[in-house]
Protein backbone atom coordinates (compact mmCIF):
# COMPACT_ATOMS: atom_id res chain seq x y z
CA MET A 1 -15.78 -23.35 24.30
CA GLY A 2 -18.11 -25.65 26.23
CA TYR A 3 -17.26 -28.34 28.68
CA THR A 4 -18.46 -31.88 29.25
CA ALA A 5 -19.88 -32.82 32.63
CA TRP A 6 -20.62 -36.38 33.71
CA HIS A 7 -23.15 -37.25 36.41
CA CYS A 8 -23.54 -40.83 37.58
CA HIS A 9 -25.98 -42.31 40.10
CA VAL A 10 -25.52 -45.94 41.15
CA ALA A 11 -27.55 -48.05 43.58
CA GLY A 12 -26.69 -51.41 45.07
CA SER A 13 -26.81 -53.50 48.20
CA PRO A 14 -24.66 -56.22 49.80
CA ASP A 15 -26.94 -58.97 48.47
CA GLY A 16 -26.92 -57.54 44.93
CA LYS A 17 -30.59 -56.56 45.01
CA ILE A 18 -32.03 -53.09 45.44
CA THR A 19 -35.69 -53.96 45.95
CA ARG A 20 -37.72 -55.75 48.57
CA PRO A 21 -39.10 -59.20 47.65
CA ASP A 22 -42.34 -57.49 46.55
CA GLY A 23 -40.35 -55.13 44.25
CA SER A 24 -40.83 -52.01 46.38
CA VAL A 25 -38.14 -49.41 47.05
CA ASP A 26 -40.34 -46.81 48.73
CA ASP A 27 -39.00 -47.30 52.24
CA TRP A 28 -35.47 -46.21 51.34
CA LEU A 29 -35.74 -44.42 48.00
CA ALA A 30 -38.65 -42.06 48.69
CA THR A 31 -37.77 -38.69 50.19
CA ASP A 32 -39.72 -35.79 51.61
CA ASP A 33 -37.73 -33.08 49.86
CA PRO A 34 -39.20 -29.59 49.94
CA ALA A 35 -40.97 -28.46 46.78
CA GLU A 36 -38.47 -25.81 45.68
CA ASP A 37 -36.62 -24.98 42.50
CA LEU A 38 -33.15 -26.47 42.80
CA GLY A 39 -32.23 -25.71 39.19
CA PHE A 40 -32.97 -29.18 37.82
CA ASP A 41 -35.04 -27.89 34.89
CA ALA A 42 -32.24 -25.49 33.98
CA PHE A 43 -29.75 -28.36 34.24
CA LEU A 44 -31.83 -30.56 31.93
CA THR A 45 -31.87 -27.90 29.21
CA GLY A 46 -28.09 -28.38 28.93
CA VAL A 47 -28.25 -32.19 28.70
CA ASP A 48 -27.75 -33.59 25.22
CA ALA A 49 -28.22 -37.30 25.98
CA ILE A 50 -29.05 -39.65 28.82
CA LEU A 51 -27.50 -43.11 28.84
CA MET A 52 -29.31 -45.70 30.93
């Protein structure tokens, strides 16, 4: 029998906005993660639906 897993990512700020006035988010959202396989592709194969 399978199981159901929920993953939720939420962003917000004290002023209710998550972008700069010009619409950018690069200064806080961009990361310099190493290019390695963390199993994300394998995870996505088990995802049936994405709700946005």
